[in-house]
């Protein structure tokens, strides 16, 4: 199965409705971002699909989901990596992270979790880095602390300004960037 089929299967399997507040349920099928409270949104499905295709997640991967919010993207990533992988969603608002963790737990994928971000830490540093990092908030500039968390041979997809950027780290440890269209996101809080 190719990446497109895997992404489509994840979007069909992981129902967005299970990750939305009651007030947004009537709009769940619309291809637009939906408010989830605290000035945050559950991203537009077509945008999420484009990001996941760029991220090229494979079974068994170790993935960091920055700006996990309601837990929907964390659950989609968990579907893509399967039970041999590991997905950690990080959300800066502790109350939103707790709600996202509850949403995620209902979907029976114990290889995925969501936690509140550590104060003053962008991402979640890990020995050896992460094979994939998805960032669902727009950075003003490419954040060096997140680039440093990409494992050699790994990649990160992040909106920088309004441009979707894919950062690939070669075996030599140097990042290589490519740009993939214009999008609108809530801002990434870079502490």
N, C-alpha and C. Protein backbone atom coordinates (compact mmCIF):
# COMPACT_ATOMS: atom_id res chain seq x y z
N UNK A 1 0.85 -1.18 0.00
CA UNK A 1 0.00 0.00 0.00
C UNK A 1 0.89 1.24 0.00
N UNK A 2 0.57 2.23 -0.85
CA UNK A 2 1.40 3.44 -0.87
C UNK A 2 0.92 4.44 0.17
N UNK A 3 1.72 5.50 0.33
CA UNK A 3 1.44 6.51 1.36
C UNK A 3 0.05 7.12 1.20
N UNK A 4 -0.34 7.41 -0.07
CA UNK A 4 -1.66 8.00 -0.29
C UNK A 4 -2.76 7.08 0.23
N UNK A 5 -2.66 5.80 -0.08
CA UNK A 5 -3.66 4.85 0.39
C UNK A 5 -3.65 4.76 1.91
N UNK A 6 -2.46 4.77 2.51
CA UNK A 6 -2.35 4.71 3.97
C UNK A 6 -2.98 5.93 4.63
N UNK A 7 -2.73 7.10 4.07
CA UNK A 7 -3.30 8.34 4.61
C UNK A 7 -4.81 8.32 4.46
N UNK A 8 -5.30 7.95 3.30
CA UNK A 8 -6.75 7.87 3.09
C UNK A 8 -7.39 6.87 4.06
N UNK A 9 -6.75 5.73 4.27
CA UNK A 9 -7.28 4.73 5.20
C UNK A 9 -7.31 5.28 6.63
N UNK A 10 -6.28 6.02 7.01
CA UNK A 10 -6.25 6.61 8.35
C UNK A 10 -7.39 7.61 8.51
N UNK A 11 -7.60 8.46 7.51
CA UNK A 11 -8.66 9.46 7.58
C UNK A 11 -10.05 8.81 7.61
N UNK A 12 -10.22 7.69 6.93
CA UNK A 12 -11.51 6.97 6.98
C UNK A 12 -11.71 6.28 8.32
N UNK A 13 -10.63 5.77 8.91
CA UNK A 13 -10.72 4.98 10.13
C UNK A 13 -10.84 5.83 11.39
N UNK A 14 -10.11 6.92 11.45
CA UNK A 14 -10.07 7.75 12.66
C UNK A 14 -11.04 8.92 12.47
N UNK A 15 -12.24 8.75 12.96
CA UNK A 15 -13.31 9.73 12.77
C UNK A 15 -13.01 11.02 13.53
N UNK A 16 -12.96 12.12 12.80
CA UNK A 16 -12.70 13.43 13.38
C UNK A 16 -13.71 13.79 14.48
N UNK A 17 -14.93 13.27 14.37
CA UNK A 17 -15.98 13.59 15.35
C UNK A 17 -15.58 13.22 16.78
N UNK A 18 -14.79 12.18 16.92
CA UNK A 18 -14.36 11.73 18.24
C UNK A 18 -13.34 12.65 18.89
N UNK A 19 -12.98 13.73 18.20
CA UNK A 19 -11.94 14.64 18.69
C UNK A 19 -12.40 16.10 18.67
N UNK A 20 -13.71 16.29 18.63
CA UNK A 20 -14.26 17.64 18.57
C UNK A 20 -15.16 17.91 19.76
N UNK A 21 -15.25 19.17 20.18
CA UNK A 21 -16.22 19.51 21.22
C UNK A 21 -17.63 19.41 20.63
N UNK A 22 -18.59 19.22 21.49
CA UNK A 22 -19.98 19.04 21.08
C UNK A 22 -20.44 20.14 20.11
N UNK A 23 -20.06 21.38 20.36
CA UNK A 23 -20.49 22.52 19.53
C UNK A 23 -19.99 22.42 18.09
N UNK A 24 -18.93 21.68 17.83
CA UNK A 24 -18.36 21.58 16.49
C UNK A 24 -18.81 20.33 15.74
N UNK A 25 -19.54 19.44 16.38
CA UNK A 25 -19.88 18.15 15.76
C UNK A 25 -20.67 18.30 14.46
N UNK A 26 -21.58 19.25 14.39
CA UNK A 26 -22.38 19.43 13.19
C UNK A 26 -21.53 19.81 11.98
N UNK A 27 -20.36 20.37 12.21
CA UNK A 27 -19.47 20.80 11.12
C UNK A 27 -18.34 19.81 10.86
N UNK A 28 -18.34 18.68 11.53
CA UNK A 28 -17.21 17.73 11.46
C UNK A 28 -16.89 17.27 10.06
N UNK A 29 -17.88 17.15 9.20
CA UNK A 29 -17.64 16.66 7.84
C UNK A 29 -17.16 17.72 6.87
N UNK A 30 -17.09 18.97 7.32
CA UNK A 30 -16.65 20.05 6.44
C UNK A 30 -15.13 20.10 6.38
N UNK A 31 -14.62 20.43 5.21
CA UNK A 31 -13.18 20.51 5.01
C UNK A 31 -12.69 21.90 5.40
N UNK A 32 -12.68 22.16 6.70
CA UNK A 32 -12.20 23.44 7.22
C UNK A 32 -11.74 23.22 8.65
N UNK A 33 -10.88 24.13 9.16
CA UNK A 33 -10.49 24.02 10.56
C UNK A 33 -11.68 24.31 11.45
N UNK A 34 -11.75 23.63 12.59
CA UNK A 34 -12.85 23.83 13.54
C UNK A 34 -12.29 24.21 14.90
N UNK A 35 -12.92 25.18 15.52
CA UNK A 35 -12.49 25.65 16.84
C UNK A 35 -12.67 24.54 17.88
N UNK A 36 -11.64 24.37 18.72
CA UNK A 36 -11.72 23.38 19.81
C UNK A 36 -11.54 24.06 21.17
N UNK A 37 -11.54 25.40 21.17
CA UNK A 37 -11.40 26.15 22.41
C UNK A 37 -9.98 26.64 22.61
N UNK A 38 -9.84 27.62 23.50
CA UNK A 38 -8.53 28.17 23.87
C UNK A 38 -7.80 28.78 22.68
N UNK A 39 -8.55 29.23 21.66
CA UNK A 39 -7.93 29.82 20.48
C UNK A 39 -7.28 28.81 19.56
N UNK A 40 -7.55 27.53 19.76
CA UNK A 40 -6.94 26.46 18.97
C UNK A 40 -7.98 25.85 18.02
N UNK A 41 -7.49 25.15 17.01
CA UNK A 41 -8.39 24.51 16.05
C UNK A 41 -7.99 23.06 15.80
N UNK A 42 -8.96 22.30 15.32
CA UNK A 42 -8.71 20.97 14.75
C UNK A 42 -8.53 21.25 13.26
N UNK A 43 -7.38 20.96 12.72
CA UNK A 43 -7.01 21.37 11.37
C UNK A 43 -7.95 20.81 10.30
N UNK A 44 -7.95 21.49 9.17
CA UNK A 44 -8.73 21.11 8.00
C UNK A 44 -8.27 19.74 7.50
N UNK A 45 -9.19 18.80 7.26
CA UNK A 45 -8.78 17.46 6.84
C UNK A 45 -7.89 17.41 5.61
N UNK A 46 -8.16 18.23 4.59
CA UNK A 46 -7.30 18.18 3.39
C UNK A 46 -5.89 18.67 3.70
N UNK A 47 -5.77 19.63 4.62
CA UNK A 47 -4.45 20.10 5.02
C UNK A 47 -3.71 19.03 5.80
N UNK A 48 -4.41 18.36 6.71
CA UNK A 48 -3.81 17.26 7.48
C UNK A 48 -3.34 16.16 6.53
N UNK A 49 -4.17 15.83 5.55
CA UNK A 49 -3.79 14.79 4.59
C UNK A 49 -2.52 15.18 3.83
N UNK A 50 -2.44 16.44 3.40
CA UNK A 50 -1.24 16.90 2.68
C UNK A 50 -0.01 16.82 3.58
N UNK A 51 -0.16 17.20 4.83
CA UNK A 51 0.97 17.15 5.77
C UNK A 51 1.42 15.71 6.01
N UNK A 52 0.45 14.81 6.19
CA UNK A 52 0.80 13.40 6.44
C UNK A 52 1.48 12.78 5.23
N UNK A 53 1.07 13.16 4.03
CA UNK A 53 1.74 12.64 2.82
C UNK A 53 3.18 13.13 2.75
N UNK A 54 3.39 14.40 3.07
CA UNK A 54 4.76 14.94 3.09
C UNK A 54 5.61 14.26 4.16
N UNK A 55 4.98 13.96 5.29
CA UNK A 55 5.71 13.36 6.41
C UNK A 55 6.15 11.94 6.09
N UNK A 56 5.38 11.24 5.23
CA UNK A 56 5.73 9.88 4.78
C UNK A 56 6.00 8.95 5.96
N UNK A 57 4.99 8.79 6.79
CA UNK A 57 5.10 7.95 8.00
C UNK A 57 5.03 6.48 7.62
N UNK A 58 5.89 5.68 8.23
CA UNK A 58 5.90 4.25 7.94
C UNK A 58 5.61 3.44 9.21
N UNK A 59 5.12 2.22 9.05
CA UNK A 59 4.86 1.39 10.23
C UNK A 59 6.11 1.23 11.09
N UNK A 60 5.91 1.30 12.40
CA UNK A 60 7.01 1.12 13.34
C UNK A 60 7.77 2.39 13.66
N UNK A 61 7.42 3.51 13.03
CA UNK A 61 8.16 4.76 13.23
C UNK A 61 7.92 5.34 14.62
N UNK A 62 8.86 6.16 15.06
CA UNK A 62 8.75 6.95 16.29
C UNK A 62 8.45 8.38 15.86
N UNK A 63 7.25 8.88 16.27
CA UNK A 63 6.75 10.15 15.74
C UNK A 63 6.38 11.10 16.88
N UNK A 64 6.76 12.36 16.72
CA UNK A 64 6.37 13.42 17.64
C UNK A 64 5.35 14.30 16.95
N UNK A 65 4.23 14.58 17.64
CA UNK A 65 3.15 15.43 17.13
C UNK A 65 3.09 16.69 17.98
N UNK A 66 3.62 17.80 17.47
CA UNK A 66 3.69 19.06 18.21
C UNK A 66 2.45 19.89 17.90
N UNK A 67 1.75 20.32 18.94
CA UNK A 67 0.49 21.02 18.77
C UNK A 67 -0.64 20.02 18.58
N UNK A 68 -0.64 18.97 19.41
CA UNK A 68 -1.55 17.84 19.25
C UNK A 68 -3.01 18.19 19.51
N UNK A 69 -3.28 19.24 20.26
CA UNK A 69 -4.65 19.71 20.47
C UNK A 69 -5.61 18.63 20.92
N UNK A 70 -6.63 18.38 20.12
CA UNK A 70 -7.69 17.44 20.48
C UNK A 70 -7.26 15.98 20.41
N UNK A 71 -6.08 15.71 19.86
CA UNK A 71 -5.58 14.35 19.73
C UNK A 71 -5.84 13.70 18.39
N UNK A 72 -6.54 14.39 17.47
CA UNK A 72 -6.90 13.79 16.19
C UNK A 72 -5.67 13.44 15.35
N UNK A 73 -4.74 14.39 15.21
CA UNK A 73 -3.56 14.09 14.40
C UNK A 73 -2.70 13.02 15.06
N UNK A 74 -2.66 12.99 16.37
CA UNK A 74 -1.91 11.95 17.08
C UNK A 74 -2.52 10.58 16.78
N UNK A 75 -3.85 10.51 16.77
CA UNK A 75 -4.53 9.24 16.45
C UNK A 75 -4.29 8.84 14.99
N UNK A 76 -4.31 9.80 14.08
CA UNK A 76 -4.03 9.48 12.67
C UNK A 76 -2.61 8.94 12.53
N UNK A 77 -1.66 9.58 13.19
CA UNK A 77 -0.27 9.11 13.16
C UNK A 77 -0.16 7.71 13.78
N UNK A 78 -0.90 7.47 14.87
CA UNK A 78 -0.88 6.15 15.51
C UNK A 78 -1.40 5.09 14.55
N UNK A 79 -2.42 5.41 13.79
CA UNK A 79 -2.93 4.46 12.80
C UNK A 79 -1.85 4.15 11.77
N UNK A 80 -1.10 5.17 11.35
CA UNK A 80 -0.06 4.99 10.34
C UNK A 80 1.13 4.19 10.85
N UNK A 81 1.55 4.39 12.11
CA UNK A 81 2.72 3.68 12.61
C UNK A 81 2.37 2.27 13.08
N UNK A 82 1.12 2.05 13.48
CA UNK A 82 0.71 0.74 13.97
C UNK A 82 1.30 0.43 15.33
N UNK A 83 0.95 -0.75 15.87
CA UNK A 83 1.34 -1.09 17.23
C UNK A 83 2.84 -1.27 17.46
N UNK A 84 3.62 -1.37 16.39
CA UNK A 84 5.08 -1.48 16.56
C UNK A 84 5.74 -0.11 16.61
N UNK A 85 4.97 0.95 16.40
CA UNK A 85 5.50 2.30 16.44
C UNK A 85 5.20 2.98 17.76
N UNK A 86 5.52 4.26 17.81
CA UNK A 86 5.26 5.07 19.02
C UNK A 86 4.97 6.48 18.57
N UNK A 87 3.87 7.06 19.08
CA UNK A 87 3.53 8.45 18.78
C UNK A 87 3.33 9.19 20.09
N UNK A 88 3.98 10.33 20.20
CA UNK A 88 3.79 11.19 21.36
C UNK A 88 3.26 12.53 20.87
N UNK A 89 2.06 12.87 21.33
CA UNK A 89 1.49 14.18 21.05
C UNK A 89 1.83 15.12 22.19
N UNK A 90 2.24 16.34 21.86
CA UNK A 90 2.60 17.34 22.86
C UNK A 90 1.74 18.57 22.61
N UNK A 91 1.13 19.06 23.68
CA UNK A 91 0.26 20.24 23.60
C UNK A 91 0.65 21.21 24.70
N UNK A 92 0.79 22.50 24.37
CA UNK A 92 1.26 23.47 25.36
C UNK A 92 0.23 23.78 26.44
N UNK A 93 -1.06 23.68 26.16
CA UNK A 93 -2.10 23.93 27.16
C UNK A 93 -2.41 22.63 27.88
N UNK A 94 -2.17 22.58 29.17
CA UNK A 94 -2.35 21.34 29.95
C UNK A 94 -3.79 20.84 29.90
N UNK A 95 -4.78 21.75 29.97
CA UNK A 95 -6.18 21.32 29.93
C UNK A 95 -6.55 20.73 28.57
N UNK A 96 -6.04 21.31 27.51
CA UNK A 96 -6.27 20.79 26.17
C UNK A 96 -5.55 19.45 25.98
N UNK A 97 -4.35 19.33 26.52
CA UNK A 97 -3.60 18.07 26.45
C UNK A 97 -4.35 16.96 27.18
N UNK A 98 -4.94 17.27 28.33
CA UNK A 98 -5.69 16.26 29.09
C UNK A 98 -6.91 15.80 28.30
N UNK A 99 -7.62 16.76 27.67
CA UNK A 99 -8.79 16.41 26.85
C UNK A 99 -8.35 15.57 25.64
N UNK A 100 -7.26 15.97 24.98
CA UNK A 100 -6.74 15.22 23.85
C UNK A 100 -6.34 13.80 24.26
N UNK A 101 -5.72 13.66 25.43
CA UNK A 101 -5.32 12.33 25.92
C UNK A 101 -6.55 11.46 26.16
N UNK A 102 -7.61 12.05 26.69
CA UNK A 102 -8.86 11.30 26.91
C UNK A 102 -9.46 10.86 25.58
N UNK A 103 -9.50 11.77 24.61
CA UNK A 103 -10.01 11.43 23.28
C UNK A 103 -9.21 10.28 22.67
N UNK A 104 -7.91 10.38 22.79
CA UNK A 104 -7.01 9.37 22.22
C UNK A 104 -7.20 8.02 22.90
N UNK A 105 -7.33 8.02 24.22
CA UNK A 105 -7.49 6.77 24.97
C UNK A 105 -8.73 6.00 24.55
N UNK A 106 -9.79 6.71 24.16
CA UNK A 106 -11.03 6.05 23.72
C UNK A 106 -10.85 5.26 22.43
N UNK A 107 -9.78 5.50 21.71
CA UNK A 107 -9.58 4.87 20.41
C UNK A 107 -8.68 3.63 20.46
N UNK A 108 -8.28 3.23 21.66
CA UNK A 108 -7.59 1.94 21.82
C UNK A 108 -6.28 1.78 21.08
N UNK A 109 -5.43 2.79 21.12
CA UNK A 109 -4.12 2.70 20.50
C UNK A 109 -3.07 3.03 21.56
N UNK A 110 -2.73 2.07 22.43
CA UNK A 110 -1.85 2.36 23.55
C UNK A 110 -0.43 2.74 23.16
N UNK A 111 -0.07 2.63 21.91
CA UNK A 111 1.26 3.04 21.45
C UNK A 111 1.30 4.56 21.14
N UNK A 112 0.17 5.23 21.42
CA UNK A 112 0.11 6.68 21.24
C UNK A 112 -0.37 7.33 22.53
N UNK A 113 0.18 8.51 22.82
CA UNK A 113 -0.24 9.24 24.01
C UNK A 113 -0.11 10.74 23.73
N UNK A 114 -0.78 11.52 24.58
CA UNK A 114 -0.66 12.98 24.50
C UNK A 114 -0.36 13.50 25.89
N UNK A 115 0.59 14.44 25.95
CA UNK A 115 1.01 15.02 27.22
C UNK A 115 1.10 16.54 27.08
N UNK A 116 1.09 17.20 28.23
CA UNK A 116 1.33 18.65 28.25
C UNK A 116 2.81 18.91 28.03
N UNK A 117 3.11 19.93 27.26
CA UNK A 117 4.51 20.30 27.00
C UNK A 117 5.19 20.70 28.30
N UNK A 118 6.46 20.42 28.37
CA UNK A 118 7.25 20.84 29.53
C UNK A 118 7.50 22.35 29.43
N UNK A 119 7.43 23.07 30.55
CA UNK A 119 7.65 24.51 30.51
C UNK A 119 9.01 24.86 29.89
N UNK A 120 8.98 25.77 28.93
CA UNK A 120 10.21 26.24 28.30
C UNK A 120 10.83 25.29 27.30
N UNK A 121 10.14 24.17 27.00
CA UNK A 121 10.70 23.18 26.06
C UNK A 121 9.80 23.11 24.82
N UNK A 122 10.38 23.30 23.64
CA UNK A 122 9.65 23.15 22.40
C UNK A 122 9.88 21.73 21.90
N UNK A 123 8.80 20.99 21.71
CA UNK A 123 8.90 19.60 21.30
C UNK A 123 9.06 18.70 22.50
N UNK A 124 9.80 17.60 22.31
CA UNK A 124 10.04 16.63 23.37
C UNK A 124 11.35 15.92 23.04
N UNK A 125 12.48 16.47 23.51
CA UNK A 125 13.77 15.86 23.17
C UNK A 125 13.83 14.37 23.56
N UNK A 126 14.45 13.59 22.69
CA UNK A 126 14.52 12.13 22.86
C UNK A 126 15.88 11.67 22.36
N UNK A 127 16.51 10.76 23.10
CA UNK A 127 17.79 10.20 22.65
C UNK A 127 17.62 9.60 21.26
N UNK A 128 18.49 9.97 20.35
CA UNK A 128 18.43 9.45 18.99
C UNK A 128 17.47 10.23 18.10
N UNK A 129 16.67 11.12 18.68
CA UNK A 129 15.73 11.93 17.90
C UNK A 129 14.48 11.17 17.49
N UNK A 130 13.63 11.85 16.75
CA UNK A 130 12.37 11.30 16.25
C UNK A 130 12.51 11.06 14.75
N UNK A 131 11.97 9.95 14.28
CA UNK A 131 12.02 9.67 12.84
C UNK A 131 11.13 10.62 12.05
N UNK A 132 10.03 11.04 12.67
CA UNK A 132 9.11 11.97 12.05
C UNK A 132 8.61 12.95 13.11
N UNK A 133 8.46 14.22 12.70
CA UNK A 133 7.88 15.24 13.57
C UNK A 133 6.84 16.00 12.74
N UNK A 134 5.61 16.05 13.26
CA UNK A 134 4.54 16.82 12.65
C UNK A 134 4.27 18.03 13.54
N UNK A 135 4.24 19.21 12.95
CA UNK A 135 3.96 20.43 13.72
C UNK A 135 2.70 21.07 13.14
N UNK A 136 1.67 21.22 13.97
CA UNK A 136 0.39 21.74 13.50
C UNK A 136 0.15 23.17 13.99
N UNK A 137 1.17 23.98 13.95
CA UNK A 137 1.09 25.40 14.28
C UNK A 137 2.21 26.10 13.52
N UNK A 138 1.96 27.35 13.14
CA UNK A 138 2.91 28.07 12.29
C UNK A 138 4.02 28.74 13.10
N UNK A 139 5.25 28.40 12.75
CA UNK A 139 6.42 29.04 13.36
C UNK A 139 6.75 30.31 12.58
N UNK A 140 7.30 31.29 13.25
CA UNK A 140 7.74 32.52 12.56
C UNK A 140 8.96 32.22 11.69
N UNK A 141 9.82 31.34 12.19
CA UNK A 141 11.01 30.90 11.47
C UNK A 141 11.23 29.44 11.85
N UNK A 142 12.06 28.76 11.12
CA UNK A 142 12.31 27.35 11.40
C UNK A 142 12.93 27.21 12.79
N UNK A 143 12.27 26.51 13.72
CA UNK A 143 12.77 26.43 15.10
C UNK A 143 13.92 25.42 15.25
N UNK A 144 15.10 25.93 15.56
CA UNK A 144 16.29 25.08 15.72
C UNK A 144 16.08 23.97 16.76
N UNK A 145 15.38 24.23 17.89
CA UNK A 145 15.19 23.13 18.85
C UNK A 145 14.42 21.93 18.27
N UNK A 146 13.49 22.19 17.36
CA UNK A 146 12.77 21.07 16.73
C UNK A 146 13.62 20.39 15.68
N UNK A 147 14.37 21.16 14.91
CA UNK A 147 15.26 20.56 13.90
C UNK A 147 16.25 19.63 14.60
N UNK A 148 16.73 20.03 15.77
CA UNK A 148 17.69 19.21 16.52
C UNK A 148 17.08 17.90 17.01
N UNK A 149 15.75 17.81 17.04
CA UNK A 149 15.09 16.59 17.52
C UNK A 149 14.78 15.59 16.40
N UNK A 150 15.13 15.94 15.15
CA UNK A 150 14.91 15.02 14.03
C UNK A 150 16.07 14.04 13.96
N UNK A 151 15.75 12.76 13.95
CA UNK A 151 16.79 11.72 13.84
C UNK A 151 17.45 11.79 12.46
N UNK A 152 18.72 11.37 12.34
CA UNK A 152 19.33 11.27 11.02
C UNK A 152 18.48 10.38 10.11
N UNK A 153 18.21 10.86 8.91
CA UNK A 153 17.34 10.14 7.99
C UNK A 153 15.87 10.45 8.21
N UNK A 154 15.54 11.27 9.21
CA UNK A 154 14.16 11.60 9.53
C UNK A 154 13.69 12.87 8.84
N UNK A 155 12.45 13.23 9.14
CA UNK A 155 11.90 14.44 8.55
C UNK A 155 10.87 15.08 9.46
N UNK A 156 10.67 16.38 9.23
CA UNK A 156 9.67 17.14 9.95
C UNK A 156 8.86 17.93 8.93
N UNK A 157 7.55 18.01 9.16
CA UNK A 157 6.68 18.86 8.36
C UNK A 157 6.16 19.94 9.29
N UNK A 158 6.37 21.21 8.90
CA UNK A 158 6.03 22.35 9.75
C UNK A 158 5.66 23.54 8.88
N UNK A 159 4.57 24.25 9.23
CA UNK A 159 4.32 25.51 8.55
C UNK A 159 5.28 26.58 9.09
N UNK A 160 6.01 27.22 8.21
CA UNK A 160 6.90 28.32 8.60
C UNK A 160 6.35 29.56 7.91
N UNK A 161 5.89 30.51 8.75
CA UNK A 161 5.12 31.61 8.20
C UNK A 161 3.83 31.00 7.66
N UNK A 162 3.59 31.15 6.39
CA UNK A 162 2.41 30.53 5.77
C UNK A 162 2.82 29.45 4.78
N UNK A 163 4.07 29.03 4.81
CA UNK A 163 4.58 28.06 3.84
C UNK A 163 4.80 26.71 4.50
N UNK A 164 4.18 25.67 3.94
CA UNK A 164 4.40 24.32 4.45
C UNK A 164 5.81 23.90 4.08
N UNK A 165 6.58 23.52 5.08
CA UNK A 165 7.99 23.20 4.88
C UNK A 165 8.27 21.78 5.33
N UNK A 166 8.99 21.06 4.50
CA UNK A 166 9.44 19.70 4.85
C UNK A 166 10.95 19.78 5.08
N UNK A 167 11.36 19.35 6.27
CA UNK A 167 12.77 19.35 6.64
C UNK A 167 13.23 17.90 6.68
N UNK A 168 14.17 17.54 5.80
CA UNK A 168 14.73 16.20 5.79
C UNK A 168 16.16 16.29 6.33
N UNK A 169 16.47 15.44 7.28
CA UNK A 169 17.82 15.42 7.83
C UNK A 169 18.54 14.22 7.22
N UNK A 170 19.61 14.52 6.51
CA UNK A 170 20.38 13.47 5.86
C UNK A 170 21.19 12.67 6.85
N UNK A 171 21.77 11.57 6.40
CA UNK A 171 22.63 10.76 7.27
C UNK A 171 23.79 11.55 7.84
N UNK A 172 24.16 12.65 7.14
CA UNK A 172 25.25 13.51 7.61
C UNK A 172 24.79 14.46 8.72
N UNK A 173 23.48 14.44 9.02
CA UNK A 173 22.94 15.28 10.09
C UNK A 173 22.55 16.69 9.65
N UNK A 174 22.73 17.01 8.36
CA UNK A 174 22.39 18.34 7.88
C UNK A 174 20.95 18.38 7.36
N UNK A 175 20.20 19.45 7.70
CA UNK A 175 18.82 19.56 7.23
C UNK A 175 18.74 20.08 5.80
N UNK A 176 17.79 19.54 5.06
CA UNK A 176 17.50 19.97 3.69
C UNK A 176 16.03 20.34 3.65
N UNK A 177 15.71 21.54 3.18
CA UNK A 177 14.35 22.07 3.21
C UNK A 177 13.72 22.08 1.83
N UNK A 178 12.40 21.82 1.80
CA UNK A 178 11.61 22.02 0.59
C UNK A 178 10.29 22.66 1.01
N UNK A 179 9.72 23.47 0.11
CA UNK A 179 8.48 24.18 0.40
C UNK A 179 7.35 23.61 -0.44
N UNK A 180 6.14 23.59 0.18
CA UNK A 180 5.01 22.87 -0.43
C UNK A 180 3.69 23.62 -0.29
N UNK A 181 3.62 24.85 -0.71
CA UNK A 181 2.36 25.57 -0.73
C UNK A 181 2.11 26.43 0.49
N UNK A 182 1.02 27.19 0.40
CA UNK A 182 0.67 28.17 1.41
C UNK A 182 -0.54 27.70 2.21
N UNK A 183 -0.46 27.85 3.52
CA UNK A 183 -1.53 27.42 4.43
C UNK A 183 -1.66 28.42 5.57
N UNK A 184 -2.79 28.37 6.26
CA UNK A 184 -2.99 29.20 7.46
C UNK A 184 -3.10 28.31 8.68
N UNK A 185 -2.37 28.64 9.74
CA UNK A 185 -2.37 27.89 10.99
C UNK A 185 -2.39 28.85 12.17
N UNK A 186 -2.79 28.34 13.32
CA UNK A 186 -2.62 29.11 14.55
C UNK A 186 -1.12 29.22 14.79
N UNK A 187 -0.66 30.25 15.51
CA UNK A 187 0.78 30.42 15.71
C UNK A 187 1.38 29.41 16.70
N UNK A 188 2.60 29.00 16.41
CA UNK A 188 3.37 28.16 17.33
C UNK A 188 3.96 29.07 18.40
N UNK A 189 3.74 28.72 19.64
CA UNK A 189 4.31 29.48 20.74
C UNK A 189 5.72 28.93 20.98
N UNK A 190 6.71 29.75 20.65
CA UNK A 190 8.11 29.33 20.77
C UNK A 190 8.69 29.97 22.02
N UNK A 191 8.81 29.17 23.07
CA UNK A 191 9.30 29.70 24.34
C UNK A 191 10.81 29.75 24.37
